[in-house]
Amino acid sequence: MKQRNDFKVYEGTNRQGAVVWHIKIGGAKGQIITTCRSIEKAIEQAQQLNIDPYYFDRGFTRADRVAAHDNNYGKET
């Protein structure tokens, strides 16, 4: 599988003036995909998005959300 280089991390500020890191696509003036409070988390998420552009969409079906909060979901009784 091809490794992408579309998603990059840029430093910015939030409304309160605190430093945050934006993951953008399309360069410095590109679209913000998400914002992180730590550089480590931003880098890790950007790497995952470059591997799989649908990384944030995985695991968000209704069944996945229910299973994450219910330890007995899907088990036979």
C-alpha atoms as a PDB file:
ATOM      1  CA  MET A   1       0.000   0.000   0.000  1.00  0.00           C
ATOM      2  CA  LYS A   2       1.227   3.470  -0.875  1.00  0.00           C
ATOM      3  CA  GLN A   3       2.240   5.741   2.020  1.00  0.00           C
ATOM      4  CA  ARG A   4       0.650   9.162   1.579  1.00  0.00           C
ATOM      5  CA  ASN A   5       2.023  12.512   2.647  1.00  0.00           C
ATOM      6  CA  ASP A   6      -1.223  14.498   2.411  1.00  0.00           C
ATOM      7  CA  PHE A   7      -1.881  15.105   6.109  1.00  0.00           C
ATOM      8  CA  LYS A   8       0.544  17.401   7.946  1.00  0.00           C
ATOM      9  CA  VAL A   9       0.756  18.993  11.391  1.00  0.00           C
ATOM     10  CA  TYR A  10       0.832  22.785  11.829  1.00  0.00           C
ATOM     11  CA  GLU A  11       1.047  24.843  15.009  1.00  0.00           C
ATOM     12  CA  GLY A  12      -1.761  27.262  15.768  1.00  0.00           C
ATOM     13  CA  THR A  13      -3.720  28.819  18.615  1.00  0.00           C
ATOM     14  CA  ASN A  14      -7.240  28.337  19.877  1.00  0.00           C
ATOM     15  CA  ARG A  15      -9.709  31.069  20.893  1.00  0.00           C
ATOM     16  CA  GLN A  16      -8.155  31.376  24.351  1.00  0.00           C
ATOM     17  CA  GLY A  17      -4.677  31.818  22.860  1.00  0.00           C
ATOM     18  CA  ALA A  18      -3.334  28.395  23.904  1.00  0.00           C
ATOM     19  CA  VAL A  19      -1.043  26.561  21.500  1.00  0.00           C
ATOM     20  CA  VAL A  20      -2.721  23.707  19.596  1.00  0.00           C
ATOM     21  CA  TRP A  21      -1.714  21.610  16.612  1.00  0.00           C
ATOM     22  CA  HIS A  22      -3.872  21.365  13.493  1.00  0.00           C
ATOM     23  CA  ILE A  23      -3.812  18.407  11.146  1.00  0.00           C
ATOM     24  CA  LYS A  24      -4.407  19.837   7.691  1.00  0.00           C
ATOM     25  CA  ILE A  25      -4.721  18.510   4.178  1.00  0.00           C
ATOM     26  CA  GLY A  26      -3.572  20.677   1.301  1.00  0.00           C
ATOM     27  CA  GLY A  27      -0.666  22.546   2.879  1.00  0.00           C
ATOM     28  CA  ALA A  28      -0.463  25.366   5.412  1.00  0.00           C
ATOM     29  CA  LYS A  29      -3.531  27.128   3.980  1.00  0.00           C
ATOM     30  CA  GLY A  30      -5.413  23.846   3.531  1.00  0.00           C
ATOM     31  CA  GLN A  31      -8.458  22.470   5.230  1.00  0.00           C
ATOM     32  CA  ILE A  32      -8.194  21.654   8.940  1.00  0.00           C
ATOM     33  CA  ILE A  33      -9.121  18.030   9.533  1.00  0.00           C
ATOM     34  CA  THR A  34      -8.774  18.040  13.332  1.00  0.00           C
ATOM     35  CA  THR A  35      -7.077  19.865  16.190  1.00  0.00           C
ATOM     36  CA  CYS A  36      -4.960  18.300  18.955  1.00  0.00           C
ATOM     37  CA  ARG A  37      -3.678  19.662  22.241  1.00  0.00           C
ATOM     38  CA  SER A  38      -0.438  17.675  22.174  1.00  0.00           C
ATOM     39  CA  ILE A  39       2.129  17.472  19.403  1.00  0.00           C
ATOM     40  CA  GLU A  40       2.624  13.751  20.008  1.00  0.00           C
ATOM     41  CA  LYS A  41      -1.078  12.977  19.462  1.00  0.00           C
ATOM     42  CA  ALA A  42      -1.191  15.196  16.361  1.00  0.00           C
ATOM     43  CA  ILE A  43       1.821  13.459  14.803  1.00  0.00           C
ATOM     44  CA  GLU A  44       0.415  10.011  15.588  1.00  0.00           C
ATOM     45  CA  GLN A  45      -2.985  10.861  14.083  1.00  0.00           C
ATOM     46  CA  ALA A  46      -1.415  12.433  10.974  1.00  0.00           C
ATOM     47  CA  GLN A  47       0.658   9.275  10.450  1.00  0.00           C
ATOM     48  CA  GLN A  48      -2.451   7.112  10.761  1.00  0.00           C
ATOM     49  CA  LEU A  49      -4.346   9.342   8.310  1.00  0.00           C
ATOM     50  CA  ASN A  50      -1.474   9.132   5.820  1.00  0.00           C
ATOM     51  CA  ILE A  51      -1.673   5.339   6.026  1.00  0.00           C
ATOM     52  CA  ASP A  52      -5.483   5.242   5.908  1.00  0.00           C
ATOM     53  CA  PRO A  53      -7.362   8.430   4.909  1.00  0.00           C
ATOM     54  CA  TYR A  54     -10.558   6.924   6.402  1.00  0.00           C
ATOM     55  CA  TYR A  55      -8.885   6.355   9.791  1.00  0.00           C
ATOM     56  CA  PHE A  56     -11.338   8.607  11.645  1.00  0.00           C
ATOM     57  CA  ASP A  57     -14.348   6.916   9.994  1.00  0.00           C
ATOM     58  CA  ARG A  58     -13.432   3.413  11.159  1.00  0.00           C
ATOM     59  CA  GLY A  59     -15.115   2.092  14.294  1.00  0.00           C
ATOM     60  CA  PHE A  60     -17.934   4.635  14.336  1.00  0.00           C
ATOM     61  CA  THR A  61     -20.864   2.461  13.339  1.00  0.00           C
ATOM     62  CA  ARG A  62     -23.668   2.234  15.852  1.00  0.00           C
ATOM     63  CA  ALA A  63     -22.710  -1.361  16.686  1.00  0.00           C
ATOM     64  CA  ASP A  64     -19.085  -0.312  17.325  1.00  0.00           C
ATOM     65  CA  ARG A  65     -20.156   2.509  19.653  1.00  0.00           C
ATOM     66  CA  VAL A  66     -22.502   0.240  21.611  1.00  0.00           C
ATOM     67  CA  ALA A  67     -19.856  -2.477  21.895  1.00  0.00           C
ATOM     68  CA  ALA A  68     -17.326   0.028  23.225  1.00  0.00           C
ATOM     69  CA  HIS A  69     -19.630   0.872  26.141  1.00  0.00           C
ATOM     70  CA  ASP A  70     -21.286  -2.496  26.767  1.00  0.00           C
ATOM     71  CA  ASN A  71     -19.054  -5.407  27.721  1.00  0.00           C
ATOM     72  CA  ASN A  72     -21.844  -7.930  27.097  1.00  0.00           C
ATOM     73  CA  TYR A  73     -22.817  -6.682  23.615  1.00  0.00           C
ATOM     74  CA  GLY A  74     -22.801  -9.460  21.038  1.00  0.00           C
ATOM     75  CA  LYS A  75     -22.220 -12.282  23.550  1.00  0.00           C
ATOM     76  CA  GLU A  76     -24.528 -15.262  23.724  1.00  0.00           C
ATOM     77  CA  THR A  77     -26.233 -15.721  27.099  1.00  0.00           C
END
